[in-house]
Amino acid sequence: MKKFMMSLVVITTLVCVTLWGTETSNAASWTLVDKKTSSGKITYLDGVKGGYAKICLKEEIGGARFDLYDNDGENSPMIKAGVFIGNNDCYKFYAAKYVDGSDNDAEFALIKTRSSLTSYVLELWD
């Protein structure tokens, strides 16, 4: 019985580390670089210096769907179409290749394509 209990503890620990270990170990390294409250269709966020970024949606019951663009003026290629972000959830992506300009940061445009509410908050984390 003691051997069974010890095996159960080890398996439970491995499952917990696998499911939660990666995300929580990086949690302290995220820095909020921009936050916008919007009621329009387009929201602009900037400030990412490189590596991975995440865009989080706040105060939107049920979530919303966005098209994500690299905001480079006239040349603004789409990064991802139809990104669904749930309320208090985030979309994580590799942003280093979008860093440019005199300020050496990445600028993004999010176009809301589907949502039930008109006002929402987006946060950009680096």
N, C-alpha and C. Protein backbone atom coordinates (compact mmCIF):
# COMPACT_ATOMS: atom_id res chain seq x y z
N MET A 1 0.82 -1.20 0.00
CA MET A 1 0.00 0.00 0.00
C MET A 1 0.87 1.26 0.00
N LYS A 2 1.97 1.20 0.77
CA LYS A 2 2.87 2.34 0.84
C LYS A 2 3.50 2.62 -0.54
N LYS A 3 3.84 1.57 -1.25
CA LYS A 3 4.43 1.72 -2.57
C LYS A 3 3.41 2.32 -3.55
N PHE A 4 2.16 1.90 -3.45
CA PHE A 4 1.09 2.43 -4.29
C PHE A 4 0.89 3.93 -4.03
N MET A 5 0.87 4.33 -2.77
CA MET A 5 0.67 5.73 -2.42
C MET A 5 1.84 6.59 -2.93
N MET A 6 3.04 6.07 -2.80
CA MET A 6 4.22 6.80 -3.28
C MET A 6 4.15 6.96 -4.79
N SER A 7 3.74 5.93 -5.50
CA SER A 7 3.58 6.01 -6.96
C SER A 7 2.53 7.04 -7.34
N LEU A 8 1.45 7.07 -6.60
CA LEU A 8 0.37 8.02 -6.85
C LEU A 8 0.86 9.47 -6.66
N VAL A 9 1.64 9.70 -5.63
CA VAL A 9 2.20 11.03 -5.38
C VAL A 9 3.14 11.44 -6.52
N VAL A 10 3.99 10.54 -6.95
CA VAL A 10 4.93 10.84 -8.03
C VAL A 10 4.18 11.15 -9.32
N ILE A 11 3.20 10.35 -9.66
CA ILE A 11 2.43 10.56 -10.89
C ILE A 11 1.68 11.89 -10.82
N THR A 12 1.06 12.18 -9.70
CA THR A 12 0.34 13.45 -9.53
C THR A 12 1.28 14.63 -9.69
N THR A 13 2.45 14.54 -9.10
CA THR A 13 3.45 15.61 -9.21
C THR A 13 3.88 15.82 -10.65
N LEU A 14 4.14 14.74 -11.37
CA LEU A 14 4.54 14.85 -12.77
C LEU A 14 3.45 15.48 -13.63
N VAL A 15 2.21 15.09 -13.39
CA VAL A 15 1.10 15.66 -14.14
C VAL A 15 0.98 17.15 -13.86
N CYS A 16 1.08 17.55 -12.60
CA CYS A 16 0.98 18.97 -12.24
C CYS A 16 2.10 19.79 -12.86
N VAL A 17 3.31 19.29 -12.81
CA VAL A 17 4.45 20.00 -13.39
C VAL A 17 4.27 20.12 -14.90
N THR A 18 3.80 19.07 -15.54
CA THR A 18 3.59 19.10 -16.98
C THR A 18 2.51 20.10 -17.37
N LEU A 19 1.41 20.11 -16.66
CA LEU A 19 0.29 20.98 -17.01
C LEU A 19 0.52 22.44 -16.64
N TRP A 20 1.09 22.70 -15.49
CA TRP A 20 1.19 24.07 -15.01
C TRP A 20 2.61 24.60 -14.93
N GLY A 21 3.60 23.77 -14.94
CA GLY A 21 4.97 24.20 -14.72
C GLY A 21 5.50 25.19 -15.72
N THR A 22 5.29 24.98 -17.00
CA THR A 22 5.84 25.85 -18.02
C THR A 22 5.25 27.24 -17.95
N GLU A 23 3.95 27.34 -17.87
CA GLU A 23 3.30 28.65 -17.88
C GLU A 23 3.61 29.45 -16.63
N THR A 24 3.57 28.81 -15.48
CA THR A 24 3.82 29.55 -14.25
C THR A 24 5.28 29.90 -14.08
N SER A 25 6.18 29.12 -14.63
CA SER A 25 7.60 29.45 -14.49
C SER A 25 7.96 30.69 -15.29
N ASN A 26 7.22 31.01 -16.35
CA ASN A 26 7.49 32.20 -17.14
C ASN A 26 6.67 33.40 -16.70
N ALA A 27 5.75 33.20 -15.77
CA ALA A 27 4.83 34.27 -15.40
C ALA A 27 5.55 35.51 -14.88
N ALA A 28 6.61 35.34 -14.12
CA ALA A 28 7.31 36.47 -13.54
C ALA A 28 8.07 37.28 -14.59
N SER A 29 8.35 36.71 -15.74
CA SER A 29 9.14 37.40 -16.76
C SER A 29 8.29 38.29 -17.67
N TRP A 30 6.99 38.24 -17.62
CA TRP A 30 6.14 39.06 -18.48
C TRP A 30 6.06 40.48 -17.94
N THR A 31 6.11 41.46 -18.86
CA THR A 31 5.99 42.87 -18.51
C THR A 31 4.88 43.49 -19.34
N LEU A 32 3.96 44.17 -18.68
CA LEU A 32 2.89 44.88 -19.39
C LEU A 32 3.49 46.09 -20.09
N VAL A 33 3.35 46.16 -21.42
CA VAL A 33 3.94 47.26 -22.18
C VAL A 33 2.90 48.20 -22.79
N ASP A 34 1.65 47.75 -22.90
CA ASP A 34 0.60 48.61 -23.44
C ASP A 34 -0.76 48.08 -23.00
N LYS A 35 -1.69 49.00 -22.80
CA LYS A 35 -3.05 48.62 -22.40
C LYS A 35 -4.00 49.65 -23.00
N LYS A 36 -5.00 49.16 -23.72
CA LYS A 36 -5.95 50.06 -24.37
C LYS A 36 -7.38 49.61 -24.07
N THR A 37 -8.22 50.60 -23.77
CA THR A 37 -9.66 50.38 -23.69
C THR A 37 -10.22 50.86 -25.02
N SER A 38 -11.01 50.02 -25.65
CA SER A 38 -11.50 50.35 -26.99
C SER A 38 -12.98 50.04 -27.12
N SER A 39 -13.63 50.83 -27.93
CA SER A 39 -15.02 50.54 -28.28
C SER A 39 -15.16 50.46 -29.80
N GLY A 40 -14.05 50.62 -30.49
CA GLY A 40 -14.07 50.58 -31.95
C GLY A 40 -13.70 49.22 -32.49
N LYS A 41 -13.57 49.17 -33.79
CA LYS A 41 -13.24 47.92 -34.46
C LYS A 41 -11.74 47.66 -34.47
N ILE A 42 -10.92 48.73 -34.47
CA ILE A 42 -9.46 48.59 -34.54
C ILE A 42 -8.82 49.09 -33.25
N THR A 43 -7.87 48.31 -32.74
CA THR A 43 -7.09 48.70 -31.57
C THR A 43 -5.61 48.58 -31.91
N TYR A 44 -4.85 49.61 -31.56
CA TYR A 44 -3.41 49.62 -31.81
C TYR A 44 -2.65 49.42 -30.51
N LEU A 45 -1.68 48.51 -30.53
CA LEU A 45 -0.84 48.22 -29.37
C LEU A 45 0.62 48.23 -29.80
N ASP A 46 1.51 48.73 -28.94
CA ASP A 46 2.93 48.68 -29.28
C ASP A 46 3.78 48.64 -28.02
N GLY A 47 5.08 48.33 -28.23
CA GLY A 47 6.02 48.32 -27.13
C GLY A 47 6.80 47.04 -26.95
N VAL A 48 6.52 46.02 -27.76
CA VAL A 48 7.24 44.74 -27.63
C VAL A 48 8.64 44.91 -28.20
N LYS A 49 9.64 44.49 -27.43
CA LYS A 49 11.04 44.64 -27.84
C LYS A 49 11.61 43.38 -28.48
N GLY A 50 10.93 42.25 -28.37
CA GLY A 50 11.43 41.03 -28.99
C GLY A 50 10.97 39.79 -28.26
N GLY A 51 11.35 38.64 -28.77
CA GLY A 51 10.96 37.38 -28.16
C GLY A 51 9.47 37.12 -28.32
N TYR A 52 8.87 36.55 -27.30
CA TYR A 52 7.45 36.25 -27.34
C TYR A 52 6.65 37.41 -26.77
N ALA A 53 5.43 37.54 -27.26
CA ALA A 53 4.49 38.54 -26.76
C ALA A 53 3.16 37.83 -26.52
N LYS A 54 2.33 38.45 -25.72
CA LYS A 54 0.97 37.94 -25.57
C LYS A 54 0.01 39.11 -25.48
N ILE A 55 -1.14 38.91 -26.08
CA ILE A 55 -2.21 39.90 -26.06
C ILE A 55 -3.34 39.30 -25.24
N CYS A 56 -3.76 40.02 -24.21
CA CYS A 56 -4.79 39.52 -23.30
C CYS A 56 -6.04 40.38 -23.42
N LEU A 57 -7.18 39.73 -23.33
CA LEU A 57 -8.48 40.39 -23.41
C LEU A 57 -9.09 40.46 -22.03
N LYS A 58 -9.54 41.64 -21.65
CA LYS A 58 -10.18 41.86 -20.36
C LYS A 58 -11.55 42.47 -20.57
N GLU A 59 -12.45 42.20 -19.66
CA GLU A 59 -13.78 42.83 -19.64
C GLU A 59 -14.59 42.58 -20.91
N GLU A 60 -14.52 41.38 -21.41
CA GLU A 60 -15.30 41.01 -22.60
C GLU A 60 -15.94 39.66 -22.33
N ILE A 61 -17.17 39.66 -21.93
CA ILE A 61 -17.86 38.42 -21.59
C ILE A 61 -17.98 37.55 -22.84
N GLY A 62 -17.48 36.34 -22.74
CA GLY A 62 -17.57 35.40 -23.86
C GLY A 62 -16.40 35.46 -24.82
N GLY A 63 -15.61 36.51 -24.77
CA GLY A 63 -14.46 36.60 -25.65
C GLY A 63 -14.76 37.32 -26.95
N ALA A 64 -13.74 37.41 -27.79
CA ALA A 64 -13.86 38.11 -29.07
C ALA A 64 -12.88 37.50 -30.06
N ARG A 65 -13.18 37.71 -31.34
CA ARG A 65 -12.31 37.22 -32.41
C ARG A 65 -11.66 38.43 -33.10
N PHE A 66 -10.35 38.31 -33.35
CA PHE A 66 -9.58 39.40 -33.96
C PHE A 66 -8.74 38.88 -35.12
N ASP A 67 -8.44 39.78 -36.05
CA ASP A 67 -7.38 39.57 -37.02
C ASP A 67 -6.20 40.39 -36.52
N LEU A 68 -5.02 39.78 -36.44
CA LEU A 68 -3.83 40.43 -35.89
C LEU A 68 -2.88 40.81 -37.03
N TYR A 69 -2.48 42.09 -37.06
CA TYR A 69 -1.59 42.61 -38.09
C TYR A 69 -0.33 43.22 -37.49
N ASP A 70 0.76 43.16 -38.24
CA ASP A 70 1.96 43.92 -37.93
C ASP A 70 1.69 45.33 -38.44
N ASN A 71 1.62 46.31 -37.56
CA ASN A 71 1.24 47.67 -37.94
C ASN A 71 2.46 48.44 -38.46
N ASP A 72 2.68 48.36 -39.76
CA ASP A 72 3.80 49.05 -40.40
C ASP A 72 3.32 50.07 -41.42
N GLY A 73 2.31 50.82 -41.08
CA GLY A 73 1.78 51.84 -41.99
C GLY A 73 1.10 51.21 -43.18
N GLU A 74 1.57 51.57 -44.38
CA GLU A 74 0.94 51.05 -45.60
C GLU A 74 1.23 49.58 -45.82
N ASN A 75 2.36 49.10 -45.33
CA ASN A 75 2.72 47.69 -45.46
C ASN A 75 2.47 47.00 -44.12
N SER A 76 1.26 46.52 -43.92
CA SER A 76 0.89 45.90 -42.65
C SER A 76 0.43 44.46 -42.88
N PRO A 77 1.37 43.53 -42.95
CA PRO A 77 0.98 42.14 -43.22
C PRO A 77 0.22 41.51 -42.05
N MET A 78 -0.68 40.62 -42.41
CA MET A 78 -1.44 39.90 -41.39
C MET A 78 -0.53 38.88 -40.71
N ILE A 79 -0.62 38.83 -39.41
CA ILE A 79 0.12 37.84 -38.63
C ILE A 79 -0.73 36.59 -38.43
N LYS A 80 -1.98 36.80 -38.06
CA LYS A 80 -2.88 35.67 -37.79
C LYS A 80 -4.32 36.13 -37.97
N ALA A 81 -5.10 35.35 -38.72
CA ALA A 81 -6.51 35.65 -38.93
C ALA A 81 -7.35 34.86 -37.94
N GLY A 82 -8.43 35.46 -37.49
CA GLY A 82 -9.40 34.75 -36.67
C GLY A 82 -8.91 34.30 -35.31
N VAL A 83 -8.09 35.11 -34.66
CA VAL A 83 -7.60 34.77 -33.32
C VAL A 83 -8.75 34.95 -32.33
N PHE A 84 -9.13 33.87 -31.65
CA PHE A 84 -10.16 33.98 -30.62
C PHE A 84 -9.48 34.10 -29.27
N ILE A 85 -9.84 35.15 -28.53
CA ILE A 85 -9.31 35.35 -27.18
C ILE A 85 -10.50 35.39 -26.24
N GLY A 86 -10.55 34.46 -25.30
CA GLY A 86 -11.61 34.43 -24.30
C GLY A 86 -11.40 35.50 -23.25
N ASN A 87 -12.44 35.78 -22.47
CA ASN A 87 -12.34 36.76 -21.40
C ASN A 87 -11.26 36.36 -20.41
N ASN A 88 -10.37 37.30 -20.09
CA ASN A 88 -9.23 37.07 -19.19
C ASN A 88 -8.29 35.99 -19.71
N ASP A 89 -8.25 35.83 -21.03
CA ASP A 89 -7.36 34.86 -21.66
C ASP A 89 -6.37 35.63 -22.54
N CYS A 90 -5.35 34.92 -23.02
CA CYS A 90 -4.30 35.57 -23.82
C CYS A 90 -3.98 34.76 -25.06
N TYR A 91 -3.48 35.45 -26.07
CA TYR A 91 -2.95 34.82 -27.27
C TYR A 91 -1.45 35.09 -27.28
N LYS A 92 -0.64 34.03 -27.27
CA LYS A 92 0.81 34.15 -27.22
C LYS A 92 1.39 33.86 -28.60
N PHE A 93 2.38 34.67 -29.03
CA PHE A 93 2.99 34.48 -30.34
C PHE A 93 4.42 35.02 -30.33
N TYR A 94 5.21 34.60 -31.33
CA TYR A 94 6.59 35.04 -31.45
C TYR A 94 6.60 36.39 -32.16
N ALA A 95 7.11 37.42 -31.49
CA ALA A 95 7.01 38.79 -32.01
C ALA A 95 8.33 39.39 -32.46
N ALA A 96 9.44 38.72 -32.25
CA ALA A 96 10.76 39.32 -32.54
C ALA A 96 10.90 39.77 -33.99
N LYS A 97 10.32 39.04 -34.92
CA LYS A 97 10.50 39.40 -36.34
C LYS A 97 9.70 40.64 -36.74
N TYR A 98 8.85 41.15 -35.84
CA TYR A 98 8.07 42.35 -36.13
C TYR A 98 8.66 43.61 -35.50
N VAL A 99 9.78 43.47 -34.80
CA VAL A 99 10.45 44.62 -34.19
C VAL A 99 11.16 45.40 -35.29
N ASP A 100 10.88 46.71 -35.37
CA ASP A 100 11.49 47.55 -36.40
C ASP A 100 11.34 49.02 -36.02
N GLY A 101 11.77 49.89 -36.90
CA GLY A 101 11.59 51.33 -36.72
C GLY A 101 12.62 51.95 -35.80
N SER A 102 12.50 53.26 -35.65
CA SER A 102 13.46 54.01 -34.85
C SER A 102 13.35 53.71 -33.36
N ASP A 103 12.18 53.25 -32.93
CA ASP A 103 11.99 52.94 -31.51
C ASP A 103 12.32 51.49 -31.17
N ASN A 104 12.68 50.71 -32.17
CA ASN A 104 13.04 49.30 -31.98
C ASN A 104 12.00 48.51 -31.20
N ASP A 105 10.75 48.71 -31.53
CA ASP A 105 9.71 47.85 -30.95
C ASP A 105 8.70 47.46 -32.02
N ALA A 106 7.85 46.54 -31.67
CA ALA A 106 6.85 46.04 -32.60
C ALA A 106 5.51 46.73 -32.33
N GLU A 107 4.82 47.06 -33.40
CA GLU A 107 3.51 47.68 -33.31
C GLU A 107 2.49 46.74 -33.94
N PHE A 108 1.34 46.62 -33.30
CA PHE A 108 0.32 45.70 -33.79
C PHE A 108 -1.02 46.41 -33.93
N ALA A 109 -1.81 45.93 -34.88
CA ALA A 109 -3.18 46.37 -35.05
C ALA A 109 -4.07 45.15 -34.92
N LEU A 110 -5.09 45.25 -34.10
CA LEU A 110 -6.07 44.18 -33.96
C LEU A 110 -7.40 44.67 -34.47
N ILE A 111 -7.97 43.94 -35.41
CA ILE A 111 -9.28 44.28 -35.95
C ILE A 111 -10.28 43.28 -35.39
N LYS A 112 -11.23 43.80 -34.64
CA LYS A 112 -12.25 42.95 -34.03
C LYS A 112 -13.21 42.49 -35.12
N THR A 113 -13.32 41.17 -35.29
CA THR A 113 -14.19 40.63 -36.34
C THR A 113 -15.48 40.05 -35.78
N ARG A 114 -15.48 39.68 -34.49
CA ARG A 114 -16.70 39.13 -33.89
C ARG A 114 -16.67 39.32 -32.39
N SER A 115 -17.76 39.89 -31.88
CA SER A 115 -17.88 40.11 -30.45
C SER A 115 -19.29 40.54 -30.13
N SER A 116 -19.73 40.25 -28.91
CA SER A 116 -21.08 40.63 -28.52
C SER A 116 -21.13 42.00 -27.84
N LEU A 117 -20.01 42.44 -27.26
CA LEU A 117 -19.98 43.72 -26.55
C LEU A 117 -19.23 44.78 -27.36
N THR A 118 -19.47 46.04 -27.02
CA THR A 118 -18.84 47.12 -27.77
C THR A 118 -17.58 47.65 -27.11
N SER A 119 -17.43 47.51 -25.80
CA SER A 119 -16.25 48.03 -25.11
C SER A 119 -15.42 46.87 -24.55
N TYR A 120 -14.10 46.98 -24.70
CA TYR A 120 -13.22 45.91 -24.23
C TYR A 120 -11.85 46.49 -23.92
N VAL A 121 -11.04 45.72 -23.20
CA VAL A 121 -9.69 46.14 -22.82
C VAL A 121 -8.71 45.10 -23.36
N LEU A 122 -7.67 45.57 -24.06
CA LEU A 122 -6.60 44.70 -24.54
C LEU A 122 -5.29 45.08 -23.86
N GLU A 123 -4.54 44.08 -23.45
CA GLU A 123 -3.23 44.28 -22.85
C GLU A 123 -2.18 43.60 -23.71
N LEU A 124 -1.05 44.27 -23.88
CA LEU A 124 0.08 43.70 -24.61
C LEU A 124 1.22 43.48 -23.62
N TRP A 125 1.68 42.23 -23.55
CA TRP A 125 2.75 41.83 -22.63
C TRP A 125 3.97 41.39 -23.42
N ASP A 126 5.14 41.75 -22.91
CA ASP A 126 6.40 41.39 -23.55
C ASP A 126 7.18 40.50 -22.59
